[in-house]
Protein backbone atom coordinates (compact mmCIF):
# COMPACT_ATOMS: atom_id res chain seq x y z
CA UNK A 1 -2.85 79.51 44.54
CA UNK A 2 -5.26 79.17 47.44
CA UNK A 3 -8.06 77.61 45.35
CA UNK A 4 -5.65 74.90 44.25
CA UNK A 5 -4.55 74.16 47.82
CA UNK A 6 -8.17 74.05 48.93
CA UNK A 7 -8.93 71.42 46.30
CA UNK A 8 -5.81 69.50 47.37
CA UNK A 9 -6.90 69.54 51.01
CA UNK A 10 -10.47 68.67 50.09
CA UNK A 11 -9.35 65.74 47.96
CA UNK A 12 -7.10 64.42 50.73
CA UNK A 13 -9.90 64.85 53.27
CA UNK A 14 -12.36 62.91 51.13
CA UNK A 15 -9.98 60.02 50.48
CA UNK A 16 -9.07 59.88 54.19
CA UNK A 17 -12.78 59.88 55.09
CA UNK A 18 -13.37 56.92 52.78
CA UNK A 19 -10.53 55.04 54.45
CA UNK A 20 -11.97 55.92 57.86
CA UNK A 21 -15.38 54.64 56.77
CA UNK A 22 -13.93 51.30 55.68
CA UNK A 23 -12.06 50.97 58.99
CA UNK A 24 -15.18 51.74 61.04
CA UNK A 25 -17.20 49.16 59.13
CA UNK A 26 -14.87 46.46 60.44
CA UNK A 27 -15.34 47.62 64.06
CA UNK A 28 -18.24 46.75 66.41
CA UNK A 29 -21.37 48.45 65.12
CA UNK A 30 -22.82 48.49 68.62
CA UNK A 31 -20.84 51.71 69.14
CA UNK A 32 -22.98 54.57 67.88
CA UNK A 33 -20.11 56.65 66.47
CA UNK A 34 -18.71 53.75 64.43
CA UNK A 35 -22.18 53.02 63.10
CA UNK A 36 -22.77 56.65 62.14
CA UNK A 37 -19.46 56.88 60.27
CA UNK A 38 -20.05 53.57 58.47
CA UNK A 39 -23.53 54.62 57.34
CA UNK A 40 -23.27 58.36 56.74
CA UNK A 41 -19.98 58.46 54.81
CA UNK A 42 -21.97 57.87 51.63
CA UNK A 43 -21.08 57.37 47.97
CA UNK A 44 -21.30 61.14 47.55
CA UNK A 45 -17.74 61.18 48.85
CA UNK A 46 -16.67 58.94 45.98
CA UNK A 47 -18.38 61.30 43.56
CA UNK A 48 -16.62 64.37 45.03
CA UNK A 49 -13.21 62.67 45.00
CA UNK A 50 -13.71 61.43 41.44
CA UNK A 51 -14.91 64.84 40.25
CA UNK A 52 -11.89 66.67 41.66
CA UNK A 53 -9.44 64.02 40.49
CA UNK A 54 -10.75 64.09 36.91
CA UNK A 55 -10.71 67.87 36.55
CA UNK A 56 -7.85 69.41 38.55
CA UNK A 57 -4.29 69.17 37.25
CA UNK A 58 -2.53 69.35 40.62
CA UNK A 59 1.02 69.19 39.25
CA UNK A 60 0.33 71.80 36.59
CA UNK A 61 -1.45 74.04 39.07
CA UNK A 62 1.45 73.99 41.51
CA UNK A 63 3.96 74.58 38.69
CA UNK A 64 2.06 77.58 37.26
CA UNK A 65 0.88 78.84 40.65
CA UNK A 66 -2.76 78.95 39.49
CA UNK A 67 -5.70 76.65 38.83
CA UNK A 68 -5.28 74.45 35.73
CA UNK A 69 -7.33 71.56 34.37
CA UNK A 70 -6.30 68.19 33.03
CA UNK A 71 -6.27 67.46 29.26
CA UNK A 72 -9.45 66.25 27.53
CA UNK A 73 -11.73 68.26 29.84
CA UNK A 74 -12.42 71.07 27.35
CA UNK A 75 -11.37 70.66 23.67
CA UNK A 76 -11.18 74.42 23.19
CA UNK A 77 -8.75 74.82 26.10
CA UNK A 78 -6.66 71.90 24.80
CA UNK A 79 -6.43 73.51 21.34
CA UNK A 80 -5.37 76.86 22.78
CA UNK A 81 -2.75 75.22 24.98
CA UNK A 82 -1.42 73.34 21.93
CA UNK A 83 -1.08 76.64 20.06
CA UNK A 84 0.58 78.27 23.06
CA UNK A 85 3.11 75.45 23.36
CA UNK A 86 3.94 75.71 19.64
CA UNK A 87 4.46 79.47 19.75
CA UNK A 88 8.25 79.53 20.40
CA UNK A 89 9.22 77.73 17.17
CA UNK A 90 6.54 79.56 15.19
CA UNK A 91 7.66 82.97 16.49
CA UNK A 92 11.28 82.15 15.65
CA UNK A 93 10.27 81.67 12.01
CA UNK A 94 8.26 84.92 12.04
CA UNK A 95 11.26 86.79 13.50
CA UNK A 96 13.52 85.45 10.72
CA UNK A 97 11.17 86.88 8.11
CA UNK A 98 10.91 90.20 9.95
CA UNK A 99 14.70 90.52 10.07
CA UNK A 100 14.86 90.32 6.26
CA UNK A 101 12.82 93.56 6.06
CA UNK A 102 14.79 95.49 8.70
CA UNK A 103 17.75 97.83 8.29
CA UNK A 104 21.00 95.95 7.77
CA UNK A 105 22.44 97.68 10.87
CA UNK A 106 20.06 95.66 13.07
CA UNK A 107 21.90 92.38 13.79
CA UNK A 108 19.00 90.39 15.22
CA UNK A 109 15.39 90.48 16.33
CA UNK A 110 12.78 88.33 18.02
CA UNK A 111 9.01 88.13 18.21
CA UNK A 112 7.69 87.79 21.76
CA UNK A 113 4.30 87.29 23.33
CA UNK A 114 3.27 89.29 26.43
CA UNK A 115 -0.08 88.49 28.10
CA UNK A 116 -2.61 91.35 27.87
CA UNK A 117 -0.35 93.18 25.38
CA UNK A 118 -0.01 90.69 22.57
CA UNK A 119 2.77 90.00 20.04
CA UNK A 120 5.67 92.44 19.70
CA UNK A 121 8.84 92.72 17.62
CA UNK A 122 11.91 93.12 19.85
CA UNK A 123 15.23 94.46 18.54
CA UNK A 124 18.45 95.45 20.35
CA UNK A 125 19.11 99.16 20.90
CA UNK A 126 21.79 100.46 18.52
CA UNK A 127 24.54 102.87 19.72
CA UNK A 128 23.14 105.53 17.40
CA UNK A 129 19.73 105.37 19.10
CA UNK A 130 20.16 108.07 21.77
CA UNK A 131 17.09 110.31 21.61
CA UNK A 132 13.48 109.16 21.52
CA UNK A 133 13.25 110.33 17.91
CA UNK A 134 15.98 107.83 17.02
CA UNK A 135 13.67 104.96 17.97
CA UNK A 136 11.35 105.57 15.00
CA UNK A 137 11.61 102.93 12.25
CA UNK A 138 9.59 103.03 9.04
CA UNK A 139 6.77 100.51 8.99
CA UNK A 140 6.97 99.88 12.75
CA UNK A 141 5.02 101.40 15.66
CA UNK A 142 7.30 102.02 18.67
CA UNK A 143 5.80 100.72 21.97
CA UNK A 144 8.41 100.91 24.75
CA UNK A 145 12.06 100.47 25.75
CA UNK A 146 13.01 97.82 28.30
CA UNK A 147 16.45 96.46 29.23
CA UNK A 148 18.10 97.94 26.12
CA UNK A 149 15.46 96.27 23.94
CA UNK A 150 13.12 98.25 21.68
CA UNK A 151 9.64 96.84 21.24
CA UNK A 152 7.48 97.55 18.18
CA UNK A 153 4.27 96.51 16.53
CA UNK A 154 4.60 95.43 12.93
CA UNK A 155 2.10 94.32 10.34
CA UNK A 156 2.92 90.70 11.12
CA UNK A 157 2.51 91.10 14.91
CA UNK A 158 -0.86 92.80 14.36
CA UNK A 159 -1.84 89.91 12.13
CA UNK A 160 -0.79 87.46 14.87
CA UNK A 161 -2.90 89.37 17.41
CA UNK A 162 -5.93 89.07 15.15
CA UNK A 163 -5.25 85.41 14.30
CA UNK A 164 -4.21 83.97 17.67
CA UNK A 165 -5.57 86.53 20.14
CA UNK A 166 -4.46 86.69 23.79
CA UNK A 167 -4.08 82.94 24.28
CA UNK A 168 -2.72 83.07 27.80
CA UNK A 169 -5.55 85.17 29.23
CA UNK A 170 -8.21 83.27 27.30
CA UNK A 171 -6.95 79.97 28.72
CA UNK A 172 -6.89 81.39 32.23
CA UNK A 173 -10.43 82.79 31.91
CA UNK A 174 -11.82 79.49 30.65
CA UNK A 175 -10.07 77.48 33.38
CA UNK A 176 -11.36 79.90 36.01
CA UNK A 177 -14.87 79.29 34.70
CA UNK A 178 -14.35 75.53 35.01
CA UNK A 179 -13.05 76.02 38.56
CA UNK A 180 -16.23 77.91 39.46
CA UNK A 181 -18.39 75.15 37.96
CA UNK A 182 -16.43 72.54 39.95
CA UNK A 183 -16.93 74.55 43.14
CA UNK A 184 -20.68 74.66 42.54
CA UNK A 185 -20.86 70.89 42.08
CA UNK A 186 -18.87 70.28 45.27
CA UNK A 187 -20.93 72.80 47.27
CA UNK A 188 -24.09 71.01 46.17
CA UNK A 189 -22.90 68.20 48.46
CA UNK A 190 -21.68 70.49 51.26
CA UNK A 191 -24.05 68.87 53.78
CA UNK A 192 -22.25 65.54 53.32
CA UNK A 193 -18.86 67.17 53.86
CA UNK A 194 -20.08 69.01 56.95
CA UNK A 195 -21.38 65.78 58.46
CA UNK A 196 -18.11 64.01 57.62
CA UNK A 197 -16.09 66.69 59.39
CA UNK A 198 -18.41 66.60 62.40
CA UNK A 199 -18.15 62.83 62.88
CA UNK A 200 -14.42 62.76 62.14
CA UNK A 201 -13.75 65.52 64.69
CA UNK A 202 -15.75 63.64 67.33
CA UNK A 203 -13.72 60.50 66.70
CA UNK A 204 -10.51 62.55 66.77
CA UNK A 205 -11.40 64.03 70.17
CA UNK A 206 -12.27 60.64 71.65
CA UNK A 207 -9.06 59.10 70.33
CA UNK A 208 -7.03 61.98 71.81
CA UNK A 209 -8.73 61.59 75.20
CA UNK A 210 -8.23 57.82 75.13
CA UNK A 211 -4.58 58.19 74.16
CA UNK A 212 -3.91 60.67 76.97
CA UNK A 213 -5.71 58.46 79.50
CA UNK A 214 -3.60 55.45 78.49
CA UNK A 215 -0.26 57.27 78.30
CA UNK A 216 -0.56 59.32 81.50
CA UNK A 217 -2.35 56.90 83.80
CA UNK A 218 -5.71 58.63 84.05
CA UNK A 219 -8.68 56.99 85.78
CA UNK A 220 -12.35 56.90 84.92
CA UNK A 221 -14.35 59.41 87.00
CA UNK A 222 -17.79 58.69 88.38
CA UNK A 223 -20.61 61.10 87.76
CA UNK A 224 -23.02 61.15 90.68
CA UNK A 225 -25.85 63.71 90.48
CA UNK A 226 -26.72 63.02 94.11
CA UNK A 227 -23.23 64.07 95.25
CA UNK A 228 -23.19 67.70 96.36
CA UNK A 229 -19.72 68.71 95.27
CA UNK A 230 -16.46 67.21 94.08
CA UNK A 231 -14.38 64.41 95.55
CA UNK A 232 -10.91 63.79 94.11
CA UNK A 233 -8.42 61.26 95.46
CA UNK A 234 -4.75 62.12 94.80
CA UNK A 235 -5.46 64.44 91.90
CA UNK A 236 -2.72 65.83 89.65
CA UNK A 237 -2.44 68.87 87.41
CA UNK A 238 -2.56 67.38 83.86
CA UNK A 239 0.05 69.79 82.45
CA UNK A 240 2.23 70.53 85.45
CA UNK A 241 2.96 66.86 86.09
CA UNK A 242 4.45 66.65 82.58
CA UNK A 243 6.71 69.68 83.13
CA UNK A 244 7.99 68.96 86.63
CA UNK A 245 10.43 66.19 87.49
CA UNK A 246 8.28 65.24 90.47
CA UNK A 247 4.70 66.17 91.21
CA UNK A 248 2.94 65.86 94.56
CA UNK A 249 -0.72 64.76 94.18
CA UNK A 250 -3.40 66.29 96.40
CA UNK A 251 -6.87 65.16 97.34
CA UNK A 252 -9.95 67.36 97.28
CA UNK A 253 -13.35 67.05 98.89
CA UNK A 254 -15.95 69.77 99.07
CA UNK A 255 -19.61 69.73 99.97
CA UNK A 256 -21.42 67.92 102.74
CA UNK A 257 -19.57 67.99 106.07
CA UNK A 258 -16.34 69.08 104.33
CA UNK A 259 -17.56 72.63 103.80
CA UNK A 260 -18.38 74.52 100.65
CA UNK A 261 -15.83 77.35 101.01
CA UNK A 262 -12.12 76.44 101.05
CA UNK A 263 -9.82 79.30 102.06
CA UNK A 264 -6.27 78.35 101.08
CA UNK A 265 -3.31 80.26 102.50
CA UNK A 266 0.39 79.60 102.14
CA UNK A 267 3.75 81.13 101.22
CA UNK A 268 4.36 82.47 97.75
CA UNK A 269 5.30 79.74 95.25
CA UNK A 270 3.96 77.02 97.54
CA UNK A 271 1.51 75.65 94.95
CA UNK A 272 -1.79 77.36 95.78
CA UNK A 273 -2.54 78.42 92.20
CA UNK A 274 -1.60 75.02 90.78
CA UNK A 275 -3.96 73.37 93.25
CA UNK A 276 -6.84 75.64 92.25
CA UNK A 277 -6.29 75.02 88.55
CA UNK A 278 -5.93 71.30 89.21
CA UNK A 279 -9.37 71.14 90.82
CA UNK A 280 -10.93 73.11 87.96
CA UNK A 281 -9.26 71.08 85.20
CA UNK A 282 -10.12 67.69 86.71
CA UNK A 283 -13.75 68.77 87.13
CA UNK A 284 -13.91 70.10 83.57
CA UNK A 285 -12.27 66.99 82.08
CA UNK A 286 -14.73 64.75 83.89
CA UNK A 287 -17.72 66.77 82.69
CA UNK A 288 -16.64 66.59 79.02
CA UNK A 289 -16.29 62.80 79.22
CA UNK A 290 -12.56 62.41 79.70
CA UNK A 291 -10.64 60.23 82.11
CA UNK A 292 -8.90 62.35 84.76
CA UNK A 293 -5.42 62.57 86.35
CA UNK A 294 -6.38 61.14 89.73
CA UNK A 295 -6.64 57.80 91.51
CA UNK A 296 -10.37 58.35 91.92
CA UNK A 297 -12.79 61.14 91.17
CA UNK A 298 -16.48 61.55 91.86
CA UNK A 299 -18.11 64.60 90.35
CA UNK A 300 -21.51 65.89 91.33
CA UNK A 301 -23.94 67.97 89.30
CA UNK A 302 -21.68 70.94 88.50
CA UNK A 303 -23.56 73.38 86.27
CA UNK A 304 -20.78 75.96 85.73
CA UNK A 305 -17.16 76.75 86.54
CA UNK A 306 -16.36 80.40 87.33
CA UNK A 307 -12.75 81.54 87.72
CA UNK A 308 -10.76 84.57 88.81
CA UNK A 309 -7.32 83.16 88.15
CA UNK A 310 -5.83 84.83 85.10
CA UNK A 311 -6.49 88.33 83.77
CA UNK A 312 -6.05 88.79 80.02
CA UNK A 313 -4.86 92.37 79.82
CA UNK A 314 -5.15 94.38 76.61
CA UNK A 315 -4.91 98.07 75.88
CA UNK A 316 -7.90 97.66 73.55
CA UNK A 317 -10.15 96.81 76.51
CA UNK A 318 -9.56 100.14 78.20
CA UNK A 319 -9.75 98.42 81.59
CA UNK A 320 -7.27 98.22 84.44
CA UNK A 321 -6.12 94.85 85.75
CA UNK A 322 -8.21 95.30 88.88
CA UNK A 323 -11.31 96.17 86.85
CA UNK A 324 -10.86 92.99 84.82
CA UNK A 325 -10.59 91.04 88.09
CA UNK A 326 -13.76 92.69 89.37
CA UNK A 327 -15.66 91.81 86.19
CA UNK A 328 -14.71 88.16 86.59
CA UNK A 329 -15.76 88.07 90.24
CA UNK A 330 -18.97 89.97 89.48
CA UNK A 331 -19.91 87.35 86.89
CA UNK A 332 -19.47 84.63 89.50
CA UNK A 333 -21.40 86.55 92.18
CA UNK A 334 -24.34 87.21 89.86
CA UNK A 335 -24.57 83.78 88.23
CA UNK A 336 -23.13 81.06 90.50
CA UNK A 337 -25.65 78.58 91.89
CA UNK A 338 -25.42 75.92 94.59
CA UNK A 339 -24.10 73.53 91.91
CA UNK A 340 -21.41 75.91 90.60
CA UNK A 341 -17.66 75.67 91.16
CA UNK A 342 -15.92 79.01 91.83
CA UNK A 343 -12.12 79.34 91.77
CA UNK A 344 -10.61 82.62 93.02
CA UNK A 345 -6.87 83.24 93.10
CA UNK A 346 -5.40 86.32 94.82
CA UNK A 347 -8.46 88.53 94.34
CA UNK A 348 -7.94 92.04 95.76
CA UNK A 349 -4.20 92.32 95.20
CA UNK A 350 -4.67 94.88 92.41
CA UNK A 351 -5.73 97.69 94.74
CA UNK A 352 -5.04 99.08 98.22
CA UNK A 353 -4.42 96.23 100.68
CA UNK A 354 -7.23 97.24 103.03
CA UNK A 355 -9.72 97.76 100.20
CA UNK A 356 -8.75 94.49 98.52
CA UNK A 357 -9.09 92.55 101.77
CA UNK A 358 -12.46 94.16 102.45
CA UNK A 359 -13.79 93.29 98.99
CA UNK A 360 -12.63 89.68 99.28
CA UNK A 361 -14.24 89.32 102.70
CA UNK A 362 -17.47 90.93 101.47
CA UNK A 363 -17.73 88.59 98.47
CA UNK A 364 -17.16 85.50 100.61
CA UNK A 365 -19.63 86.64 103.28
CA UNK A 366 -22.21 87.27 100.54
CA UNK A 367 -21.93 83.66 99.43
CA UNK A 368 -21.80 82.27 102.97
CA UNK A 369 -25.03 84.10 103.77
CA UNK A 370 -26.77 81.85 101.26
CA UNK A 371 -26.20 78.89 103.55
CA UNK A 372 -26.75 75.50 101.86
CA UNK A 373 -27.17 77.18 98.46
CA UNK A 374 -23.65 78.61 98.63
CA UNK A 375 -21.51 77.61 95.61
CA UNK A 376 -18.47 75.35 95.97
CA UNK A 377 -15.68 77.91 96.38
CA UNK A 378 -11.90 77.58 96.43
CA UNK A 379 -10.07 80.79 97.39
CA UNK A 380 -6.29 81.14 97.40
CA UNK A 381 -5.05 84.28 99.13
CA UNK A 382 -2.07 85.89 100.84
CA UNK A 383 -4.38 88.09 102.92
CA UNK A 384 -3.63 86.34 106.24
CA UNK A 385 -5.63 89.09 107.96
CA UNK A 386 -8.73 87.46 106.52
CA UNK A 387 -8.22 84.77 109.16
CA UNK A 388 -6.36 86.73 111.82
CA UNK A 389 -9.08 89.40 112.02
CA UNK A 390 -11.83 86.76 111.82
CA UNK A 391 -13.51 88.51 108.90
CA UNK A 392 -15.42 85.35 107.96
CA UNK A 393 -18.11 83.79 110.15
CA UNK A 394 -17.27 80.51 111.84
CA UNK A 395 -19.29 77.49 110.80
CA UNK A 396 -19.33 74.19 108.90
CA UNK A 397 -19.40 75.93 105.52
CA UNK A 398 -15.83 77.25 105.83
CA UNK A 399 -12.67 75.16 105.88
CA UNK A 400 -9.17 76.62 106.11
CA UNK A 401 -6.40 74.90 104.18
CA UNK A 402 -2.71 75.65 103.77
CA UNK A 403 0.28 74.42 101.79
CA UNK A 404 2.66 72.48 104.02
CA UNK A 405 6.17 73.94 104.41
CA UNK A 406 9.16 73.57 106.72
CA UNK A 407 11.76 76.15 107.74
CA UNK A 408 15.30 74.78 107.65
CA UNK A 409 17.46 77.56 109.04
CA UNK A 410 17.25 80.39 106.52
CA UNK A 411 15.78 78.08 103.89
CA UNK A 412 12.11 77.34 103.32
CA UNK A 413 11.25 73.83 102.13
CA UNK A 414 8.03 73.38 100.13
CA UNK A 415 6.18 70.06 100.37
CA UNK A 416 3.38 71.15 97.98
CA UNK A 417 0.93 69.21 100.14
CA UNK A 418 -2.48 70.58 101.07
CA UNK A 419 -3.40 70.23 104.73
CA UNK A 420 -5.83 71.80 107.18
CA UNK A 421 -4.68 74.98 108.86
CA UNK A 422 -3.63 78.56 108.23
CA UNK A 423 -0.26 79.86 107.08
CA UNK A 424 1.68 81.88 109.63
CA UNK A 425 3.49 84.08 107.11
CA UNK A 426 3.80 84.61 103.37
CA UNK A 427 7.62 84.31 103.46
CA UNK A 428 7.84 86.94 100.74
CA UNK A 429 11.50 87.62 101.56
CA UNK A 430 12.40 84.03 100.75
CA UNK A 431 10.62 84.27 97.41
CA UNK A 432 12.34 87.59 96.68
CA UNK A 433 15.75 86.03 97.35
CA UNK A 434 14.91 83.13 95.04
CA UNK A 435 13.95 85.64 92.35
CA UNK A 436 17.46 87.12 92.52
CA UNK A 437 16.93 90.38 94.42
CA UNK A 438 20.12 91.61 96.15
CA UNK A 439 20.57 90.35 99.71
CA UNK A 440 20.68 93.94 101.02
CA UNK A 441 17.21 94.67 99.61
CA UNK A 442 15.78 91.41 100.92
CA UNK A 443 17.22 92.02 104.38
CA UNK A 444 15.85 95.58 104.49
CA UNK A 445 12.43 94.37 103.34
CA UNK A 446 12.34 91.72 106.06
CA UNK A 447 13.46 94.28 108.63
CA UNK A 448 10.67 96.70 107.72
CA UNK A 449 8.12 93.88 107.72
CA UNK A 450 9.16 92.78 111.22
CA UNK A 451 8.99 96.38 112.49
CA UNK A 452 5.46 96.81 111.12
CA UNK A 453 4.31 93.57 112.75
CA UNK A 454 5.82 94.55 116.11
CA UNK A 455 4.41 98.09 115.94
CA UNK A 456 7.83 99.73 116.15
CA UNK A 457 8.79 102.87 114.22
CA UNK A 458 10.59 102.44 110.91
CA UNK A 459 13.75 104.48 110.72
CA UNK A 460 14.97 105.69 107.31
CA UNK A 461 18.13 104.13 106.00
CA UNK A 462 19.93 107.50 106.28
CA UNK A 463 19.26 107.66 110.03
CA UNK A 464 20.60 104.15 110.44
CA UNK A 465 23.75 105.10 108.58
CA UNK A 466 24.26 108.18 110.77
CA UNK A 467 23.80 106.09 113.89
CA UNK A 468 26.39 103.58 112.69
CA UNK A 469 28.81 106.37 111.83
CA UNK A 470 28.44 107.91 115.29
CA UNK A 471 29.09 104.55 116.91
CA UNK A 472 32.21 104.09 114.77
CA UNK A 473 33.41 107.62 115.61
CA UNK A 474 32.92 106.96 119.32
CA UNK A 475 34.89 103.73 119.00
CA UNK A 476 37.74 105.59 117.30
CA UNK A 477 37.75 108.32 119.97
CA UNK A 478 37.86 105.68 122.69
CA UNK A 479 40.89 104.11 121.07
CA UNK A 480 42.71 107.46 121.03
CA UNK A 481 41.74 108.16 124.64
CA UNK A 482 43.18 104.84 125.73
CA UNK A 483 46.43 105.49 123.86
CA UNK A 484 49.45 105.88 126.19
CA UNK A 485 51.90 108.13 124.39
CA UNK A 486 54.58 107.60 127.08
CA UNK A 487 54.60 103.85 126.55
CA UNK A 488 58.12 102.97 125.23
CA UNK A 489 56.69 99.98 123.36
CA UNK A 490 54.15 102.08 121.47
CA UNK A 491 54.50 101.89 117.68
CA UNK A 492 52.42 104.68 116.18
CA UNK A 493 52.70 103.28 112.65
CA UNK A 494 51.20 99.98 113.76
CA UNK A 495 48.49 101.77 115.74
CA UNK A 496 47.52 103.93 112.76
CA UNK A 497 47.48 101.08 110.23
CA UNK A 498 45.74 98.46 112.37
CA UNK A 499 43.44 100.52 114.59
CA UNK A 500 42.76 103.94 113.12
CA UNK A 501 42.59 103.36 109.35
CA UNK A 502 40.03 100.47 109.43
CA UNK A 503 37.76 102.49 111.72
CA UNK A 504 38.16 105.61 109.60
CA UNK A 505 37.25 103.66 106.45
CA UNK A 506 33.92 102.58 107.94
CA UNK A 507 33.19 106.18 108.89
CA UNK A 508 34.00 107.63 105.47
């Protein structure tokens, strides 16, 4: 079936290419791609289309689920197909004559043709035919039993085998040979087809880029080799802006007096990763010749884009997530030049916090030591200690950015806007609450975090419970001590139900 579909696809491709050639001939020939398509889509395409159309019987092939040829291609095949089509009526007549020579107990018979086996006489199984020895009939050679039908070879079926042969297989073999010959003739012009696919795919890519630029409001970037870095005015993530109801654009400028290393901090889910990917995608789109999702963009001589953003984990790799992260960073460290763009998102989180922070600081200091030949680096991290402990040298190469937020009571409002500065906290508890963790867990996590920051000891939950129980017991004892049993207005039932039982419940 696949060879037939391949010829169908090839035929459709060739006819579409001819239509594309005619369309390009009516367009301005000053455009190189239009001129190439108009000139290089040669008459060989007509020959290929004509060859396939004259040989392949597409309807017959799909009906029989194999390759078949049209009539008048091979007289021998046509003759064999004519015989095969006339077999049913001919075999009916042969069966009538065979029945005349059979036992009168046999009510009917038929002569059938089975590919690779030949012609057989088929008769219904009689009630008296129980054992295998009962299947023997004089003058007939028993072959097999199937679906209560006994199949035999007779003198006439042997004569038919010798006269007609295995028509079905012979036809298939001859048509397969023709298919191979057709393949050879098409492959002789494979260079033309390869060139057609190359030019058509180029046009397809350019049309897709043009369509996206028109539909999504992209702008034409400027390529300036003398610019040392990337400058983007109100850039947008090309995919995220289509998924979100609103998208906040952000500008980017690196190189020159704007620094080559951008350290971006901010709460979880504030948009750091999206911003990193946005910078990388806009740069990549500009370098491949596409318009970009930004008001303006000026791209310098970027020779490579290195990323540590997403780790593709697989058990077949035999590597941990952190090892995969290290491999990605190592590739950037060993190969990035002054014209390279490096995007690093949350490197170091896959190991001990201190070790991860140390590795991140070491990698950044390694690049900063290169001075003006340092790559253009964007680093998003939740390691606020990187700034608080001043692990990076101060200087014009480093710029600290953060994602703007606002605390509204217990709520945290994200503006998704990049601005200069350093985040004060990661607000992990807020993110945990948004993810659906129970309030008790979130509150305990925030409590422990605050204790660590203040340097106070962290008491186990059991100790806290015991302390609360002791306080409740003391409260209950105080209530009993204050009880005046000689008071005539004292109602012990009310005292027990309203004072003692609630306190006892909290203790138990």
